[in-house]
PDB file of all heavy atoms in Angstrom:
ATOM      1  N   THR A   1    -274.286   5.823 150.932  1.00  0.00           N
ATOM      2  CA  THR A   1    -273.043   6.156 150.213  1.00  0.00           C
ATOM      3  C   THR A   1    -273.353   6.665 148.812  1.00  0.00           C
ATOM      4  O   THR A   1    -272.785   7.669 148.368  1.00  0.00           O
ATOM      5  CB  THR A   1    -272.140   4.920 150.116  1.00  0.00           C
ATOM      6  OG1 THR A   1    -271.820   4.451 151.438  1.00  0.00           O
ATOM      7  CG2 THR A   1    -270.853   5.240 149.373  1.00  0.00           C
ATOM      8  N   ALA A   2    -274.248   5.973 148.103  1.00  0.00           N
ATOM      9  CA  ALA A   2    -274.605   6.376 146.738  1.00  0.00           C
ATOM     10  C   ALA A   2    -275.249   7.756 146.717  1.00  0.00           C
ATOM     11  O   ALA A   2    -274.917   8.593 145.878  1.00  0.00           O
ATOM     12  CB  ALA A   2    -275.542   5.337 146.131  1.00  0.00           C
ATOM     13  N   VAL A   3    -276.170   7.992 147.646  1.00  0.00           N
ATOM     14  CA  VAL A   3    -276.861   9.284 147.693  1.00  0.00           C
ATOM     15  C   VAL A   3    -275.894  10.407 148.042  1.00  0.00           C
ATOM     16  O   VAL A   3    -275.921  11.492 147.445  1.00  0.00           O
ATOM     17  CB  VAL A   3    -278.023   9.248 148.714  1.00  0.00           C
ATOM     18  CG1 VAL A   3    -278.601  10.638 148.948  1.00  0.00           C
ATOM     19  CG2 VAL A   3    -279.122   8.312 148.230  1.00  0.00           C
ATOM     20  N   THR A   4    -274.999  10.146 149.008  1.00  0.00           N
ATOM     21  CA  THR A   4    -274.016  11.151 149.406  1.00  0.00           C
ATOM     22  C   THR A   4    -273.076  11.497 148.271  1.00  0.00           C
ATOM     23  O   THR A   4    -272.822  12.678 147.994  1.00  0.00           O
ATOM     24  CB  THR A   4    -273.194  10.665 150.615  1.00  0.00           C
ATOM     25  OG1 THR A   4    -274.079  10.377 151.705  1.00  0.00           O
ATOM     26  CG2 THR A   4    -272.188  11.720 151.055  1.00  0.00           C
ATOM     27  N   PHE A   5    -272.560  10.469 147.587  1.00  0.00           N
ATOM     28  CA  PHE A   5    -271.661  10.714 146.462  1.00  0.00           C
ATOM     29  C   PHE A   5    -272.353  11.486 145.348  1.00  0.00           C
ATOM     30  O   PHE A   5    -271.807  12.450 144.803  1.00  0.00           O
ATOM     31  CB  PHE A   5    -271.110   9.396 145.921  1.00  0.00           C
ATOM     32  CG  PHE A   5    -270.257   9.555 144.700  1.00  0.00           C
ATOM     33  CD1 PHE A   5    -268.977  10.077 144.794  1.00  0.00           C
ATOM     34  CD2 PHE A   5    -270.740   9.208 143.445  1.00  0.00           C
ATOM     35  CE1 PHE A   5    -268.179  10.233 143.660  1.00  0.00           C
ATOM     36  CE2 PHE A   5    -269.961   9.371 142.296  1.00  0.00           C
ATOM     37  CZ  PHE A   5    -268.680   9.880 142.411  1.00  0.00           C
ATOM     38  N   ALA A   6    -273.572  11.064 145.008  1.00  0.00           N
ATOM     39  CA  ALA A   6    -274.312  11.740 143.940  1.00  0.00           C
ATOM     40  C   ALA A   6    -274.618  13.194 144.322  1.00  0.00           C
ATOM     41  O   ALA A   6    -274.479  14.102 143.488  1.00  0.00           O
ATOM     42  CB  ALA A   6    -275.624  11.000 143.657  1.00  0.00           C
ATOM     43  N   GLY A   7    -275.005  13.413 145.569  1.00  0.00           N
ATOM     44  CA  GLY A   7    -275.334  14.759 146.016  1.00  0.00           C
ATOM     45  C   GLY A   7    -274.131  15.693 146.007  1.00  0.00           C
ATOM     46  O   GLY A   7    -274.199  16.820 145.514  1.00  0.00           O
ATOM     47  N   LEU A   8    -272.997  15.208 146.539  1.00  0.00           N
ATOM     48  CA  LEU A   8    -271.795  16.037 146.591  1.00  0.00           C
ATOM     49  C   LEU A   8    -271.244  16.306 145.190  1.00  0.00           C
ATOM     50  O   LEU A   8    -270.785  17.415 144.894  1.00  0.00           O
ATOM     51  CB  LEU A   8    -270.733  15.355 147.455  1.00  0.00           C
ATOM     52  CG  LEU A   8    -271.053  15.250 148.939  1.00  0.00           C
ATOM     53  CD1 LEU A   8    -270.012  14.378 149.648  1.00  0.00           C
ATOM     54  CD2 LEU A   8    -271.088  16.638 149.588  1.00  0.00           C
ATOM     55  N   SER A   9    -271.295  15.299 144.331  1.00  0.00           N
ATOM     56  CA  SER A   9    -270.844  15.483 142.952  1.00  0.00           C
ATOM     57  C   SER A   9    -271.708  16.509 142.252  1.00  0.00           C
ATOM     58  O   SER A   9    -271.203  17.339 141.485  1.00  0.00           O
ATOM     59  CB  SER A   9    -270.886  14.152 142.196  1.00  0.00           C
ATOM     60  OG  SER A   9    -270.006  13.200 142.786  1.00  0.00           O
ATOM     61  N   ALA A  10    -273.019  16.440 142.491  1.00  0.00           N
ATOM     62  CA  ALA A  10    -273.940  17.392 141.873  1.00  0.00           C
ATOM     63  C   ALA A  10    -273.644  18.818 142.337  1.00  0.00           C
ATOM     64  O   ALA A  10    -273.684  19.767 141.539  1.00  0.00           O
ATOM     65  CB  ALA A  10    -275.383  17.021 142.200  1.00  0.00           C
ATOM     66  N   VAL A  11    -273.338  18.971 143.627  1.00  0.00           N
ATOM     67  CA  VAL A  11    -272.999  20.300 144.150  1.00  0.00           C
ATOM     68  C   VAL A  11    -271.784  20.875 143.423  1.00  0.00           C
ATOM     69  O   VAL A  11    -271.769  22.035 142.998  1.00  0.00           O
ATOM     70  CB  VAL A  11    -272.736  20.240 145.665  1.00  0.00           C
ATOM     71  CG1 VAL A  11    -272.104  21.541 146.150  1.00  0.00           C
ATOM     72  CG2 VAL A  11    -274.018  19.958 146.426  1.00  0.00           C
ATOM     73  N   ALA A  12    -270.745  20.043 143.272  1.00  0.00           N
ATOM     74  CA  ALA A  12    -269.527  20.503 142.611  1.00  0.00           C
ATOM     75  C   ALA A  12    -269.756  20.782 141.129  1.00  0.00           C
ATOM     76  O   ALA A  12    -269.233  21.762 140.586  1.00  0.00           O
ATOM     77  CB  ALA A  12    -268.414  19.473 142.783  1.00  0.00           C
ATOM     78  N   LEU A  13    -270.563  19.931 140.480  1.00  0.00           N
ATOM     79  CA  LEU A  13    -270.777  20.072 139.037  1.00  0.00           C
ATOM     80  C   LEU A  13    -271.708  21.243 138.698  1.00  0.00           C
ATOM     81  O   LEU A  13    -271.483  21.967 137.733  1.00  0.00           O
ATOM     82  CB  LEU A  13    -271.354  18.784 138.471  1.00  0.00           C
ATOM     83  CG  LEU A  13    -270.403  17.582 138.436  1.00  0.00           C
ATOM     84  CD1 LEU A  13    -271.155  16.312 138.099  1.00  0.00           C
ATOM     85  CD2 LEU A  13    -269.293  17.812 137.416  1.00  0.00           C
ATOM     86  N   ILE A  14    -272.756  21.400 139.514  1.00  0.00           N
ATOM     87  CA  ILE A  14    -273.754  22.442 139.218  1.00  0.00           C
ATOM     88  C   ILE A  14    -273.263  23.823 139.618  1.00  0.00           C
ATOM     89  O   ILE A  14    -273.366  24.778 138.852  1.00  0.00           O
ATOM     90  CB  ILE A  14    -275.089  22.106 139.911  1.00  0.00           C
ATOM     91  CG1 ILE A  14    -275.685  20.818 139.312  1.00  0.00           C
ATOM     92  CG2 ILE A  14    -276.084  23.264 139.753  1.00  0.00           C
ATOM     93  CD1 ILE A  14    -276.899  20.309 140.047  1.00  0.00           C
ATOM     94  N   THR A  15    -272.737  23.927 140.827  1.00  0.00           N
ATOM     95  CA  THR A  15    -272.286  25.248 141.296  1.00  0.00           C
ATOM     96  C   THR A  15    -270.954  25.648 140.673  1.00  0.00           C
ATOM     97  O   THR A  15    -270.656  26.836 140.574  1.00  0.00           O
ATOM     98  CB  THR A  15    -272.125  25.248 142.822  1.00  0.00           C
ATOM     99  OG1 THR A  15    -271.065  24.360 143.218  1.00  0.00           O
ATOM    100  CG2 THR A  15    -273.418  24.825 143.508  1.00  0.00           C
ATOM    101  N   ARG A  16    -270.161  24.629 140.278  1.00  0.00           N
ATOM    102  CA  ARG A  16    -268.820  24.862 139.712  1.00  0.00           C
ATOM    103  C   ARG A  16    -267.949  25.699 140.640  1.00  0.00           C
ATOM    104  O   ARG A  16    -267.071  26.437 140.214  1.00  0.00           O
ATOM    105  CB  ARG A  16    -268.916  25.507 138.329  1.00  0.00           C
ATOM    106  CG  ARG A  16    -269.703  24.713 137.320  1.00  0.00           C
ATOM    107  CD  ARG A  16    -269.562  25.271 135.921  1.00  0.00           C
ATOM    108  NE  ARG A  16    -268.210  25.053 135.408  1.00  0.00           N
ATOM    109  CZ  ARG A  16    -267.806  23.915 134.850  1.00  0.00           C
ATOM    110  NH1 ARG A  16    -268.620  22.887 134.739  1.00  0.00           N
ATOM    111  NH2 ARG A  16    -266.570  23.810 134.395  1.00  0.00           N
ATOM    112  N   LYS A  17    -268.224  25.563 141.931  1.00  0.00           N
ATOM    113  CA  LYS A  17    -267.437  26.273 142.936  1.00  0.00           C
ATOM    114  C   LYS A  17    -266.075  25.612 143.069  1.00  0.00           C
ATOM    115  O   LYS A  17    -265.944  24.394 142.962  1.00  0.00           O
ATOM    116  CB  LYS A  17    -268.172  26.266 144.269  1.00  0.00           C
ATOM    117  CG  LYS A  17    -267.464  27.021 145.387  1.00  0.00           C
ATOM    118  CD  LYS A  17    -268.278  27.020 146.658  1.00  0.00           C
ATOM    119  CE  LYS A  17    -267.564  27.776 147.770  1.00  0.00           C
ATOM    120  NZ  LYS A  17    -268.339  27.783 149.044  1.00  0.00           N
ATOM    121  N   ASP A  18    -265.065  26.408 143.326  1.00  0.00           N
ATOM    122  CA  ASP A  18    -263.711  25.905 143.516  1.00  0.00           C
ATOM    123  C   ASP A  18    -263.529  25.482 144.971  1.00  0.00           C
ATOM    124  O   ASP A  18    -263.529  26.313 145.866  1.00  0.00           O
ATOM    125  CB  ASP A  18    -262.697  26.980 143.139  1.00  0.00           C
ATOM    126  CG  ASP A  18    -261.267  26.446 143.139  1.00  0.00           C
ATOM    127  OD1 ASP A  18    -261.065  25.265 143.484  1.00  0.00           O
ATOM    128  OD2 ASP A  18    -260.353  27.227 142.798  1.00  0.00           O
ATOM    129  N   PHE A  19    -263.416  24.179 145.188  1.00  0.00           N
ATOM    130  CA  PHE A  19    -263.251  23.649 146.535  1.00  0.00           C
ATOM    131  C   PHE A  19    -261.798  23.359 146.881  1.00  0.00           C
ATOM    132  O   PHE A  19    -261.512  22.536 147.762  1.00  0.00           O
ATOM    133  CB  PHE A  19    -264.087  22.376 146.711  1.00  0.00           C
ATOM    134  CG  PHE A  19    -265.570  22.624 146.787  1.00  0.00           C
ATOM    135  CD1 PHE A  19    -266.362  22.493 145.646  1.00  0.00           C
ATOM    136  CD2 PHE A  19    -266.158  22.983 147.988  1.00  0.00           C
ATOM    137  CE1 PHE A  19    -267.729  22.730 145.713  1.00  0.00           C
ATOM    138  CE2 PHE A  19    -267.527  23.210 148.067  1.00  0.00           C
ATOM    139  CZ  PHE A  19    -268.315  23.090 146.925  1.00  0.00           C
ATOM    140  N   SER A  20    -260.879  24.017 146.193  1.00  0.00           N
ATOM    141  CA  SER A  20    -259.449  23.779 146.453  1.00  0.00           C
ATOM    142  C   SER A  20    -259.054  24.196 147.865  1.00  0.00           C
ATOM    143  O   SER A  20    -258.032  23.726 148.387  1.00  0.00           O
ATOM    144  CB  SER A  20    -258.590  24.520 145.431  1.00  0.00           C
ATOM    145  OG  SER A  20    -258.840  25.916 145.480  1.00  0.00           O
ATOM    146  N   PHE A  21    -259.853  25.048 148.496  1.00  0.00           N
ATOM    147  CA  PHE A  21    -259.552  25.479 149.865  1.00  0.00           C
ATOM    148  C   PHE A  21    -259.635  24.330 150.860  1.00  0.00           C
ATOM    149  O   PHE A  21    -259.186  24.436 152.001  1.00  0.00           O
ATOM    150  CB  PHE A  21    -260.505  26.608 150.287  1.00  0.00           C
ATOM    151  CG  PHE A  21    -261.955  26.205 150.379  1.00  0.00           C
ATOM    152  CD1 PHE A  21    -262.465  25.689 151.560  1.00  0.00           C
ATOM    153  CD2 PHE A  21    -262.793  26.337 149.286  1.00  0.00           C
ATOM    154  CE1 PHE A  21    -263.798  25.313 151.650  1.00  0.00           C
ATOM    155  CE2 PHE A  21    -264.137  25.974 149.365  1.00  0.00           C
ATOM    156  CZ  PHE A  21    -264.631  25.452 150.550  1.00  0.00           C
ATOM    157  N   LEU A  22    -260.229  23.204 150.439  1.00  0.00           N
ATOM    158  CA  LEU A  22    -260.353  22.053 151.329  1.00  0.00           C
ATOM    159  C   LEU A  22    -259.049  21.256 151.443  1.00  0.00           C
ATOM    160  O   LEU A  22    -258.980  20.319 152.256  1.00  0.00           O
ATOM    161  CB  LEU A  22    -261.466  21.136 150.836  1.00  0.00           C
ATOM    162  CG  LEU A  22    -262.911  21.662 150.951  1.00  0.00           C
ATOM    163  CD1 LEU A  22    -263.868  20.704 150.268  1.00  0.00           C
ATOM    164  CD2 LEU A  22    -263.283  21.827 152.422  1.00  0.00           C
ATOM    165  N   SER A  23    -258.051  21.575 150.646  1.00  0.00           N
ATOM    166  CA  SER A  23    -256.822  20.773 150.618  1.00  0.00           C
ATOM    167  C   SER A  23    -256.145  20.705 151.979  1.00  0.00           C
ATOM    168  O   SER A  23    -255.711  19.625 152.411  1.00  0.00           O
ATOM    169  CB  SER A  23    -255.853  21.332 149.572  1.00  0.00           C
ATOM    170  OG  SER A  23    -255.511  22.669 149.880  1.00  0.00           O
ATOM    171  N   ASN A  24    -256.043  21.835 152.662  1.00  0.00           N
ATOM    172  CA  ASN A  24    -255.408  21.836 153.982  1.00  0.00           C
ATOM    173  C   ASN A  24    -256.206  21.035 155.000  1.00  0.00           C
ATOM    174  O   ASN A  24    -255.646  20.326 155.831  1.00  0.00           O
ATOM    175  CB  ASN A  24    -255.228  23.280 154.489  1.00  0.00           C
ATOM    176  CG  ASN A  24    -254.199  24.051 153.684  1.00  0.00           C
ATOM    177  OD1 ASN A  24    -253.268  23.470 153.132  1.00  0.00           O
ATOM    178  ND2 ASN A  24    -254.356  25.356 153.605  1.00  0.00           N
ATOM    179  N   PHE A  25    -257.527  21.147 154.906  1.00  0.00           N
ATOM    180  CA  PHE A  25    -258.400  20.371 155.803  1.00  0.00           C
ATOM    181  C   PHE A  25    -258.226  18.879 155.566  1.00  0.00           C
ATOM    182  O   PHE A  25    -258.182  18.088 156.513  1.00  0.00           O
ATOM    183  CB  PHE A  25    -259.862  20.766 155.574  1.00  0.00           C
ATOM    184  CG  PHE A  25    -260.851  19.833 156.226  1.00  0.00           C
ATOM    185  CD1 PHE A  25    -261.141  19.925 157.580  1.00  0.00           C
ATOM    186  CD2 PHE A  25    -261.487  18.844 155.472  1.00  0.00           C
ATOM    187  CE1 PHE A  25    -262.051  19.070 158.184  1.00  0.00           C
ATOM    188  CE2 PHE A  25    -262.407  17.978 156.071  1.00  0.00           C
ATOM    189  CZ  PHE A  25    -262.684  18.092 157.427  1.00  0.00           C
ATOM    190  N   ILE A  26    -258.093  18.490 154.317  1.00  0.00           N
ATOM    191  CA  ILE A  26    -257.946  17.066 153.974  1.00  0.00           C
ATOM    192  C   ILE A  26    -256.621  16.520 154.506  1.00  0.00           C
ATOM    193  O   ILE A  26    -256.577  15.416 155.071  1.00  0.00           O
ATOM    194  CB  ILE A  26    -258.034  16.878 152.446  1.00  0.00           C
ATOM    195  CG1 ILE A  26    -259.474  17.156 151.988  1.00  0.00           C
ATOM    196  CG2 ILE A  26    -257.596  15.487 152.040  1.00  0.00           C
ATOM    197  CD1 ILE A  26    -259.645  17.177 150.476  1.00  0.00           C
ATOM    198  N   ILE A  27    -255.554  17.284 154.350  1.00  0.00           N
ATOM    199  CA  ILE A  27    -254.243  16.840 154.829  1.00  0.00           C
ATOM    200  C   ILE A  27    -254.256  16.717 156.359  1.00  0.00           C
ATOM    201  O   ILE A  27    -253.839  15.682 156.925  1.00  0.00           O
ATOM    202  CB  ILE A  27    -253.152  17.821 154.411  1.00  0.00           C
ATOM    203  CG1 ILE A  27    -252.994  17.810 152.885  1.00  0.00           C
ATOM    204  CG2 ILE A  27    -251.813  17.476 155.073  1.00  0.00           C
ATOM    205  CD1 ILE A  27    -252.059  18.876 152.361  1.00  0.00           C
ATOM    206  N   ALA A  28    -254.734  17.751 157.039  1.00  0.00           N
ATOM    207  CA  ALA A  28    -254.789  17.717 158.510  1.00  0.00           C
ATOM    208  C   ALA A  28    -255.738  16.630 158.987  1.00  0.00           C
ATOM    209  O   ALA A  28    -255.439  15.906 159.948  1.00  0.00           O
ATOM    210  CB  ALA A  28    -255.219  19.082 159.043  1.00  0.00           C
ATOM    211  N   GLY A  29    -256.875  16.501 158.326  1.00  0.00           N
ATOM    212  CA  GLY A  29    -257.855  15.491 158.705  1.00  0.00           C
ATOM    213  C   GLY A  29    -257.323  14.074 158.578  1.00  0.00           C
ATOM    214  O   GLY A  29    -257.579  13.218 159.421  1.00  0.00           O
ATOM    215  N   ALA A  30    -256.554  13.830 157.509  1.00  0.00           N
ATOM    216  CA  ALA A  30    -255.980  12.495 157.298  1.00  0.00           C
ATOM    217  C   ALA A  30    -255.035  12.128 158.429  1.00  0.00           C
ATOM    218  O   ALA A  30    -255.071  11.009 158.959  1.00  0.00           O
ATOM    219  CB  ALA A  30    -255.256  12.443 155.958  1.00  0.00           C
ATOM    220  N   ILE A  31    -254.190  13.074 158.830  1.00  0.00           N
ATOM    221  CA  ILE A  31    -253.228  12.815 159.910  1.00  0.00           C
ATOM    222  C   ILE A  31    -253.954  12.544 161.223  1.00  0.00           C
ATOM    223  O   ILE A  31    -253.662  11.569 161.922  1.00  0.00           O
ATOM    224  CB  ILE A  31    -252.278  14.016 160.071  1.00  0.00           C
ATOM    225  CG1 ILE A  31    -251.431  14.194 158.802  1.00  0.00           C
ATOM    226  CG2 ILE A  31    -251.374  13.834 161.289  1.00  0.00           C
ATOM    227  CD1 ILE A  31    -250.587  15.444 158.793  1.00  0.00           C
ATOM    228  N   VAL A  32    -254.926  13.387 161.560  1.00  0.00           N
ATOM    229  CA  VAL A  32    -255.662  13.236 162.821  1.00  0.00           C
ATOM    230  C   VAL A  32    -256.437  11.927 162.851  1.00  0.00           C
ATOM    231  O   VAL A  32    -256.433  11.198 163.847  1.00  0.00           O
ATOM    232  CB  VAL A  32    -256.613  14.424 163.032  1.00  0.00           C
ATOM    233  CG1 VAL A  32    -257.531  14.176 164.218  1.00  0.00           C
ATOM    234  CG2 VAL A  32    -255.821  15.715 163.234  1.00  0.00           C
ATOM    235  N   LEU A  33    -257.099  11.602 161.746  1.00  0.00           N
ATOM    236  CA  LEU A  33    -257.930  10.395 161.717  1.00  0.00           C
ATOM    237  C   LEU A  33    -257.086   9.126 161.797  1.00  0.00           C
ATOM    238  O   LEU A  33    -257.486   8.168 162.462  1.00  0.00           O
ATOM    239  CB  LEU A  33    -258.777  10.396 160.447  1.00  0.00           C
ATOM    240  CG  LEU A  33    -259.959  11.384 160.429  1.00  0.00           C
ATOM    241  CD1 LEU A  33    -260.584  11.419 159.045  1.00  0.00           C
ATOM    242  CD2 LEU A  33    -260.989  10.991 161.475  1.00  0.00           C
ATOM    243  N   ILE A  34    -255.947   9.115 161.132  1.00  0.00           N
ATOM    244  CA  ILE A  34    -255.078   7.938 161.187  1.00  0.00           C
ATOM    245  C   ILE A  34    -254.560   7.717 162.607  1.00  0.00           C
ATOM    246  O   ILE A  34    -254.568   6.588 163.123  1.00  0.00           O
ATOM    247  CB  ILE A  34    -253.913   8.074 160.188  1.00  0.00           C
ATOM    248  CG1 ILE A  34    -254.417   7.972 158.759  1.00  0.00           C
ATOM    249  CG2 ILE A  34    -252.858   6.991 160.450  1.00  0.00           C
ATOM    250  CD1 ILE A  34    -253.368   8.231 157.702  1.00  0.00           C
ATOM    251  N   LEU A  35    -254.140   8.794 163.261  1.00  0.00           N
ATOM    252  CA  LEU A  35    -253.658   8.687 164.643  1.00  0.00           C
ATOM    253  C   LEU A  35    -254.779   8.225 165.564  1.00  0.00           C
ATOM    254  O   LEU A  35    -254.583   7.352 166.432  1.00  0.00           O
ATOM    255  CB  LEU A  35    -253.098  10.035 165.109  1.00  0.00           C
ATOM    256  CG  LEU A  35    -251.796  10.498 164.457  1.00  0.00           C
ATOM    257  CD1 LEU A  35    -251.429  11.887 164.930  1.00  0.00           C
ATOM    258  CD2 LEU A  35    -250.669   9.515 164.733  1.00  0.00           C
ATOM    259  N   ALA A  36    -255.967   8.802 165.403  1.00  0.00           N
ATOM    260  CA  ALA A  36    -257.108   8.426 166.240  1.00  0.00           C
ATOM    261  C   ALA A  36    -257.507   6.972 166.006  1.00  0.00           C
ATOM    262  O   ALA A  36    -257.857   6.245 166.938  1.00  0.00           O
ATOM    263  CB  ALA A  36    -258.291   9.354 165.960  1.00  0.00           C
ATOM    264  N   MET A  37    -257.417   6.533 164.750  1.00  0.00           N
ATOM    265  CA  MET A  37    -257.749   5.158 164.423  1.00  0.00           C
ATOM    266  C   MET A  37    -256.795   4.180 165.092  1.00  0.00           C
ATOM    267  O   MET A  37    -257.211   3.146 165.636  1.00  0.00           O
ATOM    268  CB  MET A  37    -257.735   4.961 162.900  1.00  0.00           C
ATOM    269  CG  MET A  37    -258.141   3.579 162.430  1.00  0.00           C
ATOM    270  SD  MET A  37    -258.241   3.477 160.622  1.00  0.00           S
ATOM    271  CE  MET A  37    -256.538   3.845 160.168  1.00  0.00           C
ATOM    272  N   VAL A  38    -255.506   4.503 165.076  1.00  0.00           N
ATOM    273  CA  VAL A  38    -254.509   3.655 165.712  1.00  0.00           C
ATOM    274  C   VAL A  38    -254.753   3.571 167.210  1.00  0.00           C
ATOM    275  O   VAL A  38    -254.706   2.488 167.816  1.00  0.00           O
ATOM    276  CB  VAL A  38    -253.089   4.185 165.423  1.00  0.00           C
ATOM    277  CG1 VAL A  38    -252.057   3.423 166.259  1.00  0.00           C
ATOM    278  CG2 VAL A  38    -252.766   4.059 163.940  1.00  0.00           C
ATOM    279  N   VAL A  39    -255.037   4.708 167.839  1.00  0.00           N
ATOM    280  CA  VAL A  39    -255.303   4.738 169.287  1.00  0.00           C
ATOM    281  C   VAL A  39    -256.553   3.921 169.612  1.00  0.00           C
ATOM    282  O   VAL A  39    -256.566   3.145 170.583  1.00  0.00           O
ATOM    283  CB  VAL A  39    -255.489   6.196 169.765  1.00  0.00           C
ATOM    284  CG1 VAL A  39    -255.959   6.219 171.215  1.00  0.00           C
ATOM    285  CG2 VAL A  39    -254.181   6.958 169.631  1.00  0.00           C
ATOM    286  N   ALA A  40    -257.596   4.075 168.789  1.00  0.00           N
ATOM    287  CA  ALA A  40    -258.835   3.335 169.023  1.00  0.00           C
ATOM    288  C   ALA A  40    -258.622   1.833 168.905  1.00  0.00           C
ATOM    289  O   ALA A  40    -259.201   1.036 169.655  1.00  0.00           O
ATOM    290  CB  ALA A  40    -259.907   3.801 168.040  1.00  0.00           C
ATOM    291  N   MET A  41    -257.755   1.425 167.971  1.00  0.00           N
ATOM    292  CA  MET A  41    -257.472  -0.007 167.780  1.00  0.00           C
ATOM    293  C   MET A  41    -256.637  -0.570 168.931  1.00  0.00           C
ATOM    294  O   MET A  41    -256.892  -1.669 169.418  1.00  0.00           O
ATOM    295  CB  MET A  41    -256.735  -0.224 166.445  1.00  0.00           C
ATOM    296  CG  MET A  41    -257.593  -0.015 165.212  1.00  0.00           C
ATOM    297  SD  MET A  41    -256.611  -0.057 163.703  1.00  0.00           S
ATOM    298  CE  MET A  41    -255.758  -1.608 163.887  1.00  0.00           C
ATOM    299  N   ILE A  42    -255.632   0.186 169.362  1.00  0.00           N
ATOM    300  CA  ILE A  42    -254.741  -0.292 170.420  1.00  0.00           C
ATOM    301  C   ILE A  42    -255.458  -0.398 171.758  1.00  0.00           C
ATOM    302  O   ILE A  42    -255.340  -1.411 172.471  1.00  0.00           O
ATOM    303  CB  ILE A  42    -253.510   0.633 170.545  1.00  0.00           C
ATOM    304  CG1 ILE A  42    -252.659   0.551 169.278  1.00  0.00           C
ATOM    305  CG2 ILE A  42    -252.683   0.252 171.776  1.00  0.00           C
ATOM    306  CD1 ILE A  42    -251.475   1.505 169.277  1.00  0.00           C
TER     307      ILE A  42
END
């Protein structure tokens, strides 16, 4: 977890790339993952 967070933060800070295009993926991913999690639990 620590290595992943540090690596991803470094990518965003060093490249200064705009990752705002991920917003739609995050919204859709949250919905799909929550539904899948509920199904897996039930």
